[in-house]
Amino acid sequence: MPLYKKINLNENTQIYVWKITEDFDTLFKETPLRDVSLARLEKMLSKTHQCGFLSVRHLLNKAGYSDFDLFYDENGKPNLKDGKHISITHSFEFSAIIVSSENVGIDLEMNREKIIRIADKFIDSEFEFLDKENNYIEHLSVIWGAKEALYKMCNSRSLSFKQDMHVHQFDLNSEIVTAHIASENLNFNQNFRLHFESFENYTLVYGLENNE
């Protein structure tokens, strides 16, 4: 299908979301790829991952780029040749990118009960305000998405989701969540402000490093 959604966060920052309804062959034949990207695609065992990979290239096109403009640094963080910042995510039926003149992070997750089983692996201080009887999965999805987006922004910093990243109490209707990263080992201490929204049982979280 065409672009599912475009969000203009500010004049220098756009988010593009794609709903993957096409099959692999349709996505592939319309997507020029570099040799290194083609080799990476061929190593993927899952058609879902392959379609997610290709749909991201369609989003690049919507943003005015192509696979030939995208490269990854030694830590696996994506970059654009023109110097703009980009972050990428995909989950099952959806993919998304954020492109900005500032450092950015984005995450997209399907809301699933599985997240309850792994909550104690990425949550610490947040348990103080979470209510297991009130939209628990949705709250966990926002927290996980926020920490994933933060991790992508911080790139090479070896941060612990549980010990170093702390999401503050938030209202699901606010579409804003704040967080704090503090790591004595890395001498890193910073506040963050992220945006989130839900659609079709998915949670999208994104933010700028300098958007406190």
N, C-alpha and C. Protein backbone atom coordinates (compact mmCIF):
# COMPACT_ATOMS: atom_id res chain seq x y z
N MET A 1 0.85 -1.18 0.00
CA MET A 1 0.00 0.00 0.00
C MET A 1 0.89 1.23 0.00
N PRO A 2 0.33 2.40 -0.27
CA PRO A 2 1.13 3.62 -0.19
C PRO A 2 1.53 3.90 1.26
N LEU A 3 2.20 5.02 1.45
CA LEU A 3 2.61 5.44 2.77
C LEU A 3 1.41 5.45 3.72
N TYR A 4 1.57 4.82 4.88
CA TYR A 4 0.48 4.72 5.86
C TYR A 4 0.29 6.04 6.61
N LYS A 5 1.42 6.67 6.97
CA LYS A 5 1.34 7.90 7.75
C LYS A 5 2.65 8.67 7.65
N LYS A 6 2.53 10.00 7.62
CA LYS A 6 3.69 10.86 7.72
C LYS A 6 3.43 11.86 8.85
N ILE A 7 4.43 12.03 9.71
CA ILE A 7 4.32 12.94 10.85
C ILE A 7 5.40 14.00 10.73
N ASN A 8 5.02 15.25 10.77
CA ASN A 8 5.99 16.34 10.76
C ASN A 8 6.19 16.80 12.20
N LEU A 9 7.26 16.31 12.83
CA LEU A 9 7.52 16.67 14.22
C LEU A 9 7.94 18.14 14.33
N ASN A 10 8.80 18.56 13.43
CA ASN A 10 9.15 19.97 13.28
C ASN A 10 9.64 20.16 11.84
N GLU A 11 10.09 21.35 11.49
CA GLU A 11 10.45 21.60 10.09
C GLU A 11 11.65 20.78 9.64
N ASN A 12 12.44 20.26 10.58
CA ASN A 12 13.62 19.49 10.23
C ASN A 12 13.51 18.01 10.55
N THR A 13 12.34 17.56 10.99
CA THR A 13 12.19 16.18 11.45
C THR A 13 10.87 15.59 10.96
N GLN A 14 10.96 14.50 10.22
CA GLN A 14 9.77 13.82 9.70
C GLN A 14 9.82 12.33 10.05
N ILE A 15 8.64 11.78 10.31
CA ILE A 15 8.49 10.35 10.57
C ILE A 15 7.62 9.78 9.46
N TYR A 16 8.05 8.64 8.91
CA TYR A 16 7.31 7.97 7.84
C TYR A 16 6.98 6.55 8.29
N VAL A 17 5.72 6.15 8.12
CA VAL A 17 5.27 4.82 8.54
C VAL A 17 4.67 4.10 7.34
N TRP A 18 5.05 2.84 7.17
CA TRP A 18 4.56 2.01 6.06
C TRP A 18 3.82 0.81 6.62
N LYS A 19 2.65 0.51 6.09
CA LYS A 19 1.96 -0.73 6.42
C LYS A 19 2.25 -1.74 5.33
N ILE A 20 2.81 -2.87 5.73
CA ILE A 20 3.28 -3.86 4.76
C ILE A 20 2.13 -4.78 4.36
N THR A 21 1.54 -4.48 3.22
CA THR A 21 0.48 -5.34 2.68
C THR A 21 0.95 -6.07 1.43
N GLU A 22 2.10 -5.64 0.87
CA GLU A 22 2.62 -6.25 -0.35
C GLU A 22 3.33 -7.56 -0.03
N ASP A 23 3.42 -8.44 -1.03
CA ASP A 23 4.23 -9.63 -0.85
C ASP A 23 5.69 -9.31 -1.18
N PHE A 24 6.56 -10.27 -0.92
CA PHE A 24 8.00 -10.06 -1.11
C PHE A 24 8.32 -9.66 -2.54
N ASP A 25 7.75 -10.36 -3.52
CA ASP A 25 8.09 -10.10 -4.92
C ASP A 25 7.73 -8.69 -5.34
N THR A 26 6.58 -8.21 -4.88
CA THR A 26 6.15 -6.85 -5.22
C THR A 26 7.10 -5.82 -4.64
N LEU A 27 7.46 -6.00 -3.37
CA LEU A 27 8.38 -5.06 -2.73
C LEU A 27 9.76 -5.11 -3.37
N PHE A 28 10.20 -6.32 -3.71
CA PHE A 28 11.57 -6.50 -4.21
C PHE A 28 11.76 -5.88 -5.60
N LYS A 29 10.81 -6.10 -6.48
CA LYS A 29 10.99 -5.65 -7.86
C LYS A 29 10.96 -4.13 -7.98
N GLU A 30 10.47 -3.45 -6.97
CA GLU A 30 10.39 -1.99 -7.01
C GLU A 30 11.47 -1.33 -6.15
N THR A 31 12.48 -2.12 -5.73
CA THR A 31 13.45 -1.62 -4.76
C THR A 31 14.88 -1.82 -5.23
N PRO A 32 15.53 -0.83 -5.84
CA PRO A 32 16.95 -0.95 -6.20
C PRO A 32 17.80 -1.07 -4.93
N LEU A 33 18.73 -2.04 -4.94
CA LEU A 33 19.56 -2.28 -3.76
C LEU A 33 21.04 -2.31 -4.12
N ARG A 34 21.86 -1.84 -3.18
CA ARG A 34 23.30 -2.02 -3.31
C ARG A 34 23.63 -3.50 -3.12
N ASP A 35 24.79 -3.91 -3.57
CA ASP A 35 25.19 -5.31 -3.44
C ASP A 35 25.23 -5.75 -1.98
N VAL A 36 25.73 -4.88 -1.11
CA VAL A 36 25.82 -5.24 0.30
C VAL A 36 24.43 -5.41 0.92
N SER A 37 23.47 -4.61 0.48
CA SER A 37 22.10 -4.73 0.98
C SER A 37 21.44 -6.00 0.45
N LEU A 38 21.72 -6.31 -0.82
CA LEU A 38 21.17 -7.53 -1.40
C LEU A 38 21.70 -8.76 -0.68
N ALA A 39 22.98 -8.75 -0.36
CA ALA A 39 23.57 -9.88 0.37
C ALA A 39 22.96 -10.00 1.76
N ARG A 40 22.72 -8.88 2.40
CA ARG A 40 22.08 -8.90 3.72
C ARG A 40 20.66 -9.44 3.64
N LEU A 41 19.93 -9.01 2.62
CA LEU A 41 18.56 -9.48 2.42
C LEU A 41 18.52 -10.99 2.22
N GLU A 42 19.44 -11.50 1.43
CA GLU A 42 19.46 -12.94 1.11
C GLU A 42 19.77 -13.80 2.33
N LYS A 43 20.42 -13.22 3.34
CA LYS A 43 20.75 -13.98 4.55
C LYS A 43 19.58 -14.06 5.52
N MET A 44 18.56 -13.24 5.30
CA MET A 44 17.40 -13.26 6.19
C MET A 44 16.55 -14.49 5.92
N LEU A 45 16.25 -15.24 6.96
CA LEU A 45 15.50 -16.48 6.81
C LEU A 45 13.99 -16.26 6.83
N SER A 46 13.56 -15.15 7.38
CA SER A 46 12.13 -14.87 7.54
C SER A 46 11.63 -13.91 6.45
N LYS A 47 10.52 -14.28 5.80
CA LYS A 47 9.91 -13.38 4.83
C LYS A 47 9.42 -12.10 5.49
N THR A 48 9.01 -12.21 6.76
CA THR A 48 8.56 -11.02 7.48
C THR A 48 9.70 -10.03 7.61
N HIS A 49 10.89 -10.53 7.96
CA HIS A 49 12.05 -9.65 8.08
C HIS A 49 12.47 -9.09 6.73
N GLN A 50 12.39 -9.93 5.70
CA GLN A 50 12.75 -9.47 4.36
C GLN A 50 11.81 -8.36 3.90
N CYS A 51 10.53 -8.54 4.13
CA CYS A 51 9.56 -7.51 3.72
C CYS A 51 9.73 -6.24 4.54
N GLY A 52 10.07 -6.39 5.83
CA GLY A 52 10.34 -5.22 6.65
C GLY A 52 11.53 -4.45 6.13
N PHE A 53 12.59 -5.17 5.76
CA PHE A 53 13.80 -4.57 5.21
C PHE A 53 13.48 -3.80 3.93
N LEU A 54 12.72 -4.42 3.04
CA LEU A 54 12.39 -3.78 1.76
C LEU A 54 11.44 -2.59 1.94
N SER A 55 10.50 -2.71 2.87
CA SER A 55 9.56 -1.60 3.09
C SER A 55 10.29 -0.37 3.62
N VAL A 56 11.35 -0.58 4.40
CA VAL A 56 12.15 0.55 4.87
C VAL A 56 12.76 1.28 3.68
N ARG A 57 13.18 0.53 2.65
CA ARG A 57 13.74 1.18 1.45
C ARG A 57 12.67 1.98 0.71
N HIS A 58 11.42 1.53 0.76
CA HIS A 58 10.33 2.31 0.19
C HIS A 58 10.13 3.61 0.98
N LEU A 59 10.28 3.52 2.30
CA LEU A 59 10.16 4.72 3.12
C LEU A 59 11.29 5.71 2.82
N LEU A 60 12.48 5.18 2.59
CA LEU A 60 13.59 6.04 2.20
C LEU A 60 13.24 6.83 0.95
N ASN A 61 12.61 6.15 -0.01
CA ASN A 61 12.20 6.81 -1.25
C ASN A 61 11.19 7.92 -0.98
N LYS A 62 10.26 7.68 -0.05
CA LYS A 62 9.27 8.70 0.29
C LYS A 62 9.94 9.93 0.92
N ALA A 63 11.08 9.68 1.59
CA ALA A 63 11.80 10.78 2.24
C ALA A 63 12.80 11.44 1.30
N GLY A 64 12.86 10.96 0.06
CA GLY A 64 13.77 11.57 -0.91
C GLY A 64 15.13 10.90 -1.00
N TYR A 65 15.24 9.67 -0.48
CA TYR A 65 16.51 8.95 -0.49
C TYR A 65 16.32 7.58 -1.15
N SER A 66 17.41 6.82 -1.19
CA SER A 66 17.35 5.45 -1.67
C SER A 66 18.31 4.61 -0.84
N ASP A 67 18.34 3.32 -1.11
CA ASP A 67 19.26 2.43 -0.40
C ASP A 67 20.71 2.87 -0.60
N PHE A 68 20.98 3.53 -1.71
CA PHE A 68 22.34 3.97 -2.02
C PHE A 68 22.78 5.17 -1.18
N ASP A 69 21.84 5.80 -0.49
CA ASP A 69 22.16 6.93 0.39
C ASP A 69 22.36 6.50 1.83
N LEU A 70 22.11 5.23 2.12
CA LEU A 70 22.12 4.73 3.50
C LEU A 70 23.39 3.91 3.76
N PHE A 71 24.03 4.17 4.90
CA PHE A 71 25.16 3.33 5.30
C PHE A 71 25.14 3.17 6.82
N TYR A 72 25.88 2.18 7.30
CA TYR A 72 25.89 1.86 8.73
C TYR A 72 27.30 2.03 9.29
N ASP A 73 27.40 2.58 10.51
CA ASP A 73 28.72 2.74 11.12
C ASP A 73 29.15 1.44 11.78
N GLU A 74 30.29 1.48 12.46
CA GLU A 74 30.86 0.26 13.04
C GLU A 74 30.00 -0.34 14.15
N ASN A 75 29.08 0.46 14.69
CA ASN A 75 28.18 -0.02 15.74
C ASN A 75 26.83 -0.46 15.18
N GLY A 76 26.68 -0.36 13.85
CA GLY A 76 25.43 -0.77 13.23
C GLY A 76 24.38 0.32 13.17
N LYS A 77 24.77 1.56 13.51
CA LYS A 77 23.80 2.66 13.46
C LYS A 77 23.68 3.18 12.04
N PRO A 78 22.45 3.34 11.53
CA PRO A 78 22.27 3.85 10.16
C PRO A 78 22.57 5.34 10.07
N ASN A 79 23.09 5.74 8.92
CA ASN A 79 23.39 7.13 8.64
C ASN A 79 23.03 7.44 7.18
N LEU A 80 22.85 8.71 6.89
CA LEU A 80 22.58 9.15 5.52
C LEU A 80 23.78 9.92 4.99
N LYS A 81 24.05 9.76 3.71
CA LYS A 81 25.25 10.36 3.11
C LYS A 81 25.23 11.88 3.13
N ASP A 82 24.04 12.49 3.19
CA ASP A 82 24.00 13.95 3.19
C ASP A 82 24.20 14.54 4.59
N GLY A 83 24.44 13.67 5.58
CA GLY A 83 24.72 14.15 6.93
C GLY A 83 23.51 14.19 7.84
N LYS A 84 22.32 13.98 7.30
CA LYS A 84 21.14 13.95 8.16
C LYS A 84 21.12 12.67 8.98
N HIS A 85 20.39 12.74 10.09
CA HIS A 85 20.29 11.59 10.99
C HIS A 85 19.05 10.77 10.63
N ILE A 86 19.16 9.46 10.84
CA ILE A 86 18.03 8.56 10.56
C ILE A 86 18.01 7.45 11.59
N SER A 87 16.82 7.03 11.95
CA SER A 87 16.63 5.85 12.78
C SER A 87 15.54 5.00 12.14
N ILE A 88 15.66 3.69 12.28
CA ILE A 88 14.83 2.74 11.53
C ILE A 88 14.22 1.71 12.48
N THR A 89 12.99 1.30 12.18
CA THR A 89 12.37 0.24 12.97
C THR A 89 11.34 -0.49 12.11
N HIS A 90 11.13 -1.76 12.40
CA HIS A 90 10.00 -2.47 11.78
C HIS A 90 9.55 -3.61 12.68
N SER A 91 8.26 -3.90 12.64
CA SER A 91 7.67 -4.93 13.49
C SER A 91 6.46 -5.51 12.77
N PHE A 92 6.57 -6.77 12.37
CA PHE A 92 5.47 -7.47 11.72
C PHE A 92 4.90 -6.71 10.53
N GLU A 93 3.73 -6.09 10.67
CA GLU A 93 3.04 -5.47 9.53
C GLU A 93 3.45 -4.03 9.25
N PHE A 94 4.29 -3.45 10.10
CA PHE A 94 4.63 -2.04 9.94
C PHE A 94 6.14 -1.81 9.98
N SER A 95 6.56 -0.74 9.30
CA SER A 95 7.93 -0.25 9.42
C SER A 95 7.86 1.26 9.53
N ALA A 96 8.94 1.87 10.04
CA ALA A 96 8.95 3.32 10.20
C ALA A 96 10.38 3.83 10.21
N ILE A 97 10.55 5.07 9.76
CA ILE A 97 11.84 5.75 9.86
C ILE A 97 11.59 7.16 10.37
N ILE A 98 12.61 7.74 10.99
CA ILE A 98 12.60 9.15 11.36
C ILE A 98 13.86 9.76 10.77
N VAL A 99 13.70 10.90 10.11
CA VAL A 99 14.81 11.60 9.46
C VAL A 99 14.85 13.02 10.01
N SER A 100 16.05 13.47 10.40
CA SER A 100 16.15 14.78 11.03
C SER A 100 17.55 15.35 10.89
N SER A 101 17.66 16.65 11.11
CA SER A 101 18.97 17.29 11.18
C SER A 101 19.61 17.07 12.55
N GLU A 102 18.84 16.49 13.49
CA GLU A 102 19.33 16.20 14.84
C GLU A 102 19.38 14.70 15.07
N ASN A 103 20.12 14.29 16.11
CA ASN A 103 20.20 12.88 16.47
C ASN A 103 18.82 12.39 16.92
N VAL A 104 18.38 11.26 16.38
CA VAL A 104 17.02 10.77 16.63
C VAL A 104 17.01 9.28 16.93
N GLY A 105 15.90 8.82 17.51
CA GLY A 105 15.68 7.40 17.73
C GLY A 105 14.21 7.08 17.56
N ILE A 106 13.93 5.86 17.09
CA ILE A 106 12.53 5.46 16.87
C ILE A 106 12.38 3.98 17.15
N ASP A 107 11.21 3.60 17.64
CA ASP A 107 10.91 2.18 17.82
C ASP A 107 9.42 1.95 17.59
N LEU A 108 9.12 0.81 17.02
CA LEU A 108 7.75 0.40 16.74
C LEU A 108 7.57 -1.03 17.19
N GLU A 109 6.55 -1.29 18.00
CA GLU A 109 6.33 -2.63 18.53
C GLU A 109 4.85 -2.99 18.48
N MET A 110 4.58 -4.26 18.19
CA MET A 110 3.22 -4.76 18.35
C MET A 110 2.95 -4.95 19.84
N ASN A 111 1.76 -4.57 20.28
CA ASN A 111 1.39 -4.77 21.68
C ASN A 111 1.03 -6.24 21.90
N ARG A 112 1.89 -6.96 22.65
CA ARG A 112 1.69 -8.39 22.85
C ARG A 112 1.86 -8.76 24.33
N GLU A 113 1.20 -9.81 24.74
CA GLU A 113 1.30 -10.27 26.14
C GLU A 113 2.71 -10.73 26.48
N LYS A 114 3.47 -11.10 25.47
CA LYS A 114 4.85 -11.55 25.70
C LYS A 114 5.65 -10.53 26.49
N ILE A 115 5.35 -9.24 26.34
CA ILE A 115 6.12 -8.21 27.00
C ILE A 115 5.99 -8.29 28.52
N ILE A 116 4.88 -8.85 29.01
CA ILE A 116 4.70 -9.01 30.45
C ILE A 116 5.75 -9.96 31.01
N ARG A 117 6.05 -11.02 30.27
CA ARG A 117 6.99 -12.05 30.74
C ARG A 117 8.43 -11.54 30.82
N ILE A 118 8.74 -10.52 30.04
CA ILE A 118 10.12 -10.03 30.03
C ILE A 118 10.26 -8.66 30.72
N ALA A 119 9.18 -8.19 31.34
CA ALA A 119 9.19 -6.85 31.93
C ALA A 119 10.31 -6.65 32.93
N ASP A 120 10.58 -7.65 33.76
CA ASP A 120 11.61 -7.47 34.78
C ASP A 120 13.02 -7.42 34.21
N LYS A 121 13.15 -7.66 32.92
CA LYS A 121 14.47 -7.56 32.28
C LYS A 121 14.81 -6.14 31.84
N PHE A 122 13.79 -5.30 31.68
CA PHE A 122 14.07 -3.94 31.22
C PHE A 122 13.44 -2.85 32.09
N ILE A 123 12.74 -3.24 33.15
CA ILE A 123 12.07 -2.27 34.02
C ILE A 123 12.60 -2.39 35.45
N ASP A 124 12.80 -1.23 36.07
CA ASP A 124 13.20 -1.19 37.48
C ASP A 124 12.35 -0.15 38.20
N SER A 125 12.75 1.11 38.13
CA SER A 125 12.03 2.17 38.84
C SER A 125 10.60 2.34 38.35
N GLU A 126 10.34 1.95 37.10
CA GLU A 126 9.00 2.13 36.53
C GLU A 126 7.94 1.29 37.22
N PHE A 127 8.34 0.21 37.89
CA PHE A 127 7.37 -0.62 38.60
C PHE A 127 6.65 0.17 39.69
N GLU A 128 7.25 1.28 40.13
CA GLU A 128 6.64 2.08 41.19
C GLU A 128 5.34 2.73 40.76
N PHE A 129 5.19 3.00 39.46
CA PHE A 129 3.95 3.66 39.01
C PHE A 129 3.08 2.77 38.11
N LEU A 130 3.56 1.63 37.71
CA LEU A 130 2.78 0.76 36.83
C LEU A 130 1.65 0.06 37.59
N ASP A 131 0.52 -0.06 36.93
CA ASP A 131 -0.65 -0.74 37.49
C ASP A 131 -0.96 -1.94 36.60
N LYS A 132 -0.78 -3.13 37.12
CA LYS A 132 -0.96 -4.34 36.33
C LYS A 132 -2.41 -4.56 35.91
N GLU A 133 -3.33 -3.84 36.52
CA GLU A 133 -4.75 -3.98 36.20
C GLU A 133 -5.25 -2.90 35.24
N ASN A 134 -4.37 -2.00 34.84
CA ASN A 134 -4.81 -0.85 34.05
C ASN A 134 -3.89 -0.63 32.86
N ASN A 135 -4.28 -1.16 31.71
CA ASN A 135 -3.52 -0.97 30.45
C ASN A 135 -2.04 -1.32 30.61
N TYR A 136 -1.79 -2.44 31.26
CA TYR A 136 -0.42 -2.83 31.60
C TYR A 136 0.43 -3.05 30.35
N ILE A 137 -0.10 -3.78 29.39
CA ILE A 137 0.66 -4.07 28.17
C ILE A 137 0.98 -2.78 27.42
N GLU A 138 0.01 -1.88 27.34
CA GLU A 138 0.22 -0.63 26.62
C GLU A 138 1.31 0.21 27.29
N HIS A 139 1.28 0.28 28.63
CA HIS A 139 2.31 1.03 29.34
C HIS A 139 3.69 0.39 29.15
N LEU A 140 3.76 -0.92 29.24
CA LEU A 140 5.03 -1.61 29.04
C LEU A 140 5.56 -1.37 27.63
N SER A 141 4.67 -1.35 26.65
CA SER A 141 5.09 -1.13 25.26
C SER A 141 5.68 0.26 25.06
N VAL A 142 5.10 1.26 25.71
CA VAL A 142 5.65 2.61 25.61
C VAL A 142 7.03 2.67 26.26
N ILE A 143 7.17 2.05 27.43
CA ILE A 143 8.45 2.08 28.14
C ILE A 143 9.53 1.36 27.33
N TRP A 144 9.18 0.17 26.81
CA TRP A 144 10.15 -0.55 25.99
C TRP A 144 10.52 0.27 24.75
N GLY A 145 9.52 0.83 24.08
CA GLY A 145 9.78 1.62 22.88
C GLY A 145 10.64 2.84 23.18
N ALA A 146 10.39 3.49 24.32
CA ALA A 146 11.19 4.65 24.71
C ALA A 146 12.64 4.26 24.93
N LYS A 147 12.86 3.15 25.61
CA LYS A 147 14.23 2.72 25.90
C LYS A 147 14.94 2.26 24.63
N GLU A 148 14.22 1.63 23.72
CA GLU A 148 14.82 1.25 22.44
C GLU A 148 15.22 2.50 21.65
N ALA A 149 14.34 3.48 21.61
CA ALA A 149 14.64 4.72 20.89
C ALA A 149 15.84 5.43 21.51
N LEU A 150 15.90 5.45 22.83
CA LEU A 150 17.03 6.07 23.53
C LEU A 150 18.33 5.34 23.23
N TYR A 151 18.26 4.02 23.25
CA TYR A 151 19.45 3.22 22.98
C TYR A 151 19.99 3.51 21.58
N LYS A 152 19.08 3.66 20.62
CA LYS A 152 19.51 3.97 19.25
C LYS A 152 20.14 5.35 19.17
N MET A 153 19.61 6.29 19.92
CA MET A 153 20.20 7.63 19.92
C MET A 153 21.60 7.61 20.53
N CYS A 154 21.77 6.84 21.58
CA CYS A 154 23.05 6.83 22.30
C CYS A 154 24.09 5.98 21.59
N ASN A 155 23.66 5.10 20.71
CA ASN A 155 24.54 4.35 19.81
C ASN A 155 25.59 3.53 20.55
N SER A 156 26.83 3.98 20.62
CA SER A 156 27.92 3.15 21.11
C SER A 156 27.99 3.04 22.63
N ARG A 157 27.17 3.80 23.34
CA ARG A 157 27.21 3.75 24.78
C ARG A 157 26.58 2.45 25.28
N SER A 158 27.29 1.70 26.09
CA SER A 158 26.81 0.39 26.57
C SER A 158 25.87 0.59 27.75
N LEU A 159 24.64 0.99 27.46
CA LEU A 159 23.68 1.31 28.49
C LEU A 159 22.78 0.12 28.82
N SER A 160 22.45 0.00 30.07
CA SER A 160 21.51 -1.03 30.53
C SER A 160 20.10 -0.47 30.51
N PHE A 161 19.18 -1.18 29.83
CA PHE A 161 17.79 -0.75 29.81
C PHE A 161 17.23 -0.65 31.23
N LYS A 162 17.61 -1.58 32.07
CA LYS A 162 17.04 -1.67 33.41
C LYS A 162 17.71 -0.74 34.40
N GLN A 163 19.03 -0.68 34.39
CA GLN A 163 19.76 0.05 35.42
C GLN A 163 20.04 1.51 35.06
N ASP A 164 20.24 1.80 33.78
CA ASP A 164 20.66 3.16 33.39
C ASP A 164 19.54 4.02 32.83
N MET A 165 18.50 3.40 32.28
CA MET A 165 17.41 4.16 31.65
C MET A 165 16.17 4.14 32.54
N HIS A 166 15.62 5.32 32.79
CA HIS A 166 14.46 5.42 33.68
C HIS A 166 13.38 6.28 33.03
N VAL A 167 12.25 5.67 32.75
CA VAL A 167 11.11 6.37 32.16
C VAL A 167 10.22 6.87 33.29
N HIS A 168 9.81 8.12 33.22
CA HIS A 168 8.99 8.72 34.27
C HIS A 168 7.51 8.39 34.05
N GLN A 169 6.74 8.53 35.09
CA GLN A 169 5.30 8.25 35.02
C GLN A 169 4.65 9.07 33.91
N PHE A 170 3.72 8.45 33.19
CA PHE A 170 3.08 9.13 32.07
C PHE A 170 1.64 8.67 31.92
N ASP A 171 0.88 9.46 31.19
CA ASP A 171 -0.52 9.16 30.88
C ASP A 171 -0.59 8.71 29.43
N LEU A 172 -1.27 7.62 29.15
CA LEU A 172 -1.36 7.12 27.78
C LEU A 172 -2.01 8.12 26.83
N ASN A 173 -2.81 9.02 27.37
CA ASN A 173 -3.48 10.02 26.53
C ASN A 173 -2.60 11.23 26.24
N SER A 174 -1.47 11.34 26.91
CA SER A 174 -0.63 12.53 26.77
C SER A 174 0.22 12.50 25.51
N GLU A 175 0.58 11.29 25.05
CA GLU A 175 1.44 11.09 23.88
C GLU A 175 2.83 11.69 24.06
N ILE A 176 3.19 11.99 25.30
CA ILE A 176 4.54 12.47 25.64
C ILE A 176 5.04 11.67 26.83
N VAL A 177 6.31 11.26 26.75
CA VAL A 177 6.92 10.56 27.88
C VAL A 177 8.32 11.13 28.08
N THR A 178 8.70 11.32 29.32
CA THR A 178 10.04 11.81 29.62
C THR A 178 10.87 10.69 30.24
N ALA A 179 12.17 10.79 30.09
CA ALA A 179 13.06 9.75 30.59
C ALA A 179 14.38 10.36 31.00
N HIS A 180 15.12 9.59 31.78
CA HIS A 180 16.42 10.04 32.27
C HIS A 180 17.41 8.90 32.12
N ILE A 181 18.57 9.20 31.58
CA ILE A 181 19.64 8.22 31.48
C ILE A 181 20.77 8.67 32.39
N ALA A 182 21.20 7.79 33.27
CA ALA A 182 22.31 8.09 34.17
C ALA A 182 23.21 6.86 34.27
N SER A 183 24.45 7.02 33.87
CA SER A 183 25.42 5.93 33.93
C SER A 183 26.74 6.46 34.48
N GLU A 184 27.09 6.04 35.69
CA GLU A 184 28.35 6.48 36.29
C GLU A 184 29.54 5.92 35.52
N ASN A 185 29.41 4.68 35.06
CA ASN A 185 30.52 4.04 34.35
C ASN A 185 30.87 4.78 33.06
N LEU A 186 29.83 5.32 32.39
CA LEU A 186 30.05 6.00 31.13
C LEU A 186 30.10 7.51 31.27
N ASN A 187 29.93 7.99 32.51
CA ASN A 187 29.93 9.43 32.77
C ASN A 187 28.90 10.13 31.89
N PHE A 188 27.68 9.57 31.89
CA PHE A 188 26.61 10.09 31.02
C PHE A 188 25.38 10.35 31.87
N ASN A 189 24.82 11.56 31.74
CA ASN A 189 23.65 11.93 32.52
C ASN A 189 22.83 12.92 31.69
N GLN A 190 21.62 12.51 31.28
CA GLN A 190 20.84 13.38 30.40
C GLN A 190 19.35 13.07 30.49
N ASN A 191 18.53 14.12 30.34
CA ASN A 191 17.08 13.98 30.28
C ASN A 191 16.62 13.94 28.82
N PHE A 192 15.51 13.25 28.59
CA PHE A 192 14.96 13.13 27.24
C PHE A 192 13.44 13.31 27.28
N ARG A 193 12.91 13.74 26.16
CA ARG A 193 11.45 13.87 25.99
C ARG A 193 11.10 13.19 24.67
N LEU A 194 10.21 12.21 24.74
CA LEU A 194 9.84 11.45 23.55
C LEU A 194 8.34 11.52 23.30
N HIS A 195 7.97 11.23 22.06
CA HIS A 195 6.58 11.20 21.65
C HIS A 195 6.16 9.75 21.40
N PHE A 196 4.90 9.45 21.67
CA PHE A 196 4.41 8.11 21.38
C PHE A 196 2.96 8.17 20.91
N GLU A 197 2.58 7.15 20.17
CA GLU A 197 1.19 7.02 19.75
C GLU A 197 0.92 5.55 19.42
N SER A 198 -0.35 5.20 19.40
CA SER A 198 -0.75 3.82 19.10
C SER A 198 -1.68 3.79 17.90
N PHE A 199 -1.56 2.72 17.10
CA PHE A 199 -2.48 2.50 15.99
C PHE A 199 -2.46 1.01 15.66
N GLU A 200 -3.63 0.47 15.41
CA GLU A 200 -3.80 -0.93 14.99
C GLU A 200 -3.01 -1.90 15.88
N ASN A 201 -3.07 -1.69 17.18
CA ASN A 201 -2.41 -2.54 18.17
C ASN A 201 -0.89 -2.47 18.11
N TYR A 202 -0.35 -1.37 17.63
CA TYR A 202 1.09 -1.12 17.62
C TYR A 202 1.37 0.16 18.41
N THR A 203 2.56 0.24 18.98
CA THR A 203 3.01 1.44 19.69
C THR A 203 4.25 1.99 19.01
N LEU A 204 4.19 3.27 18.64
CA LEU A 204 5.29 3.96 17.99
C LEU A 204 5.85 4.99 18.97
N VAL A 205 7.17 4.97 19.17
CA VAL A 205 7.84 5.93 20.05
C VAL A 205 9.02 6.54 19.30
N TYR A 206 9.17 7.86 19.40
CA TYR A 206 10.27 8.50 18.70
C TYR A 206 10.66 9.80 19.43
N GLY A 207 11.88 10.24 19.21
CA GLY A 207 12.30 11.47 19.86
C GLY A 207 13.63 11.99 19.34
N LEU A 208 13.94 13.21 19.74
CA LEU A 208 15.20 13.88 19.41
C LEU A 208 16.07 13.91 20.65
N GLU A 209 17.38 13.83 20.45
CA GLU A 209 18.27 13.87 21.62
C GLU A 209 18.19 15.20 22.34
N ASN A 210 17.97 16.29 21.59
CA ASN A 210 17.96 17.62 22.20
C ASN A 210 16.55 18.15 22.37
N ASN A 211 15.60 17.27 22.69
CA ASN A 211 14.20 17.68 22.84
C ASN A 211 13.75 17.41 24.27
N GLU A 212 14.41 18.07 25.24
CA GLU A 212 14.08 17.86 26.65
C GLU A 212 12.75 18.51 27.01
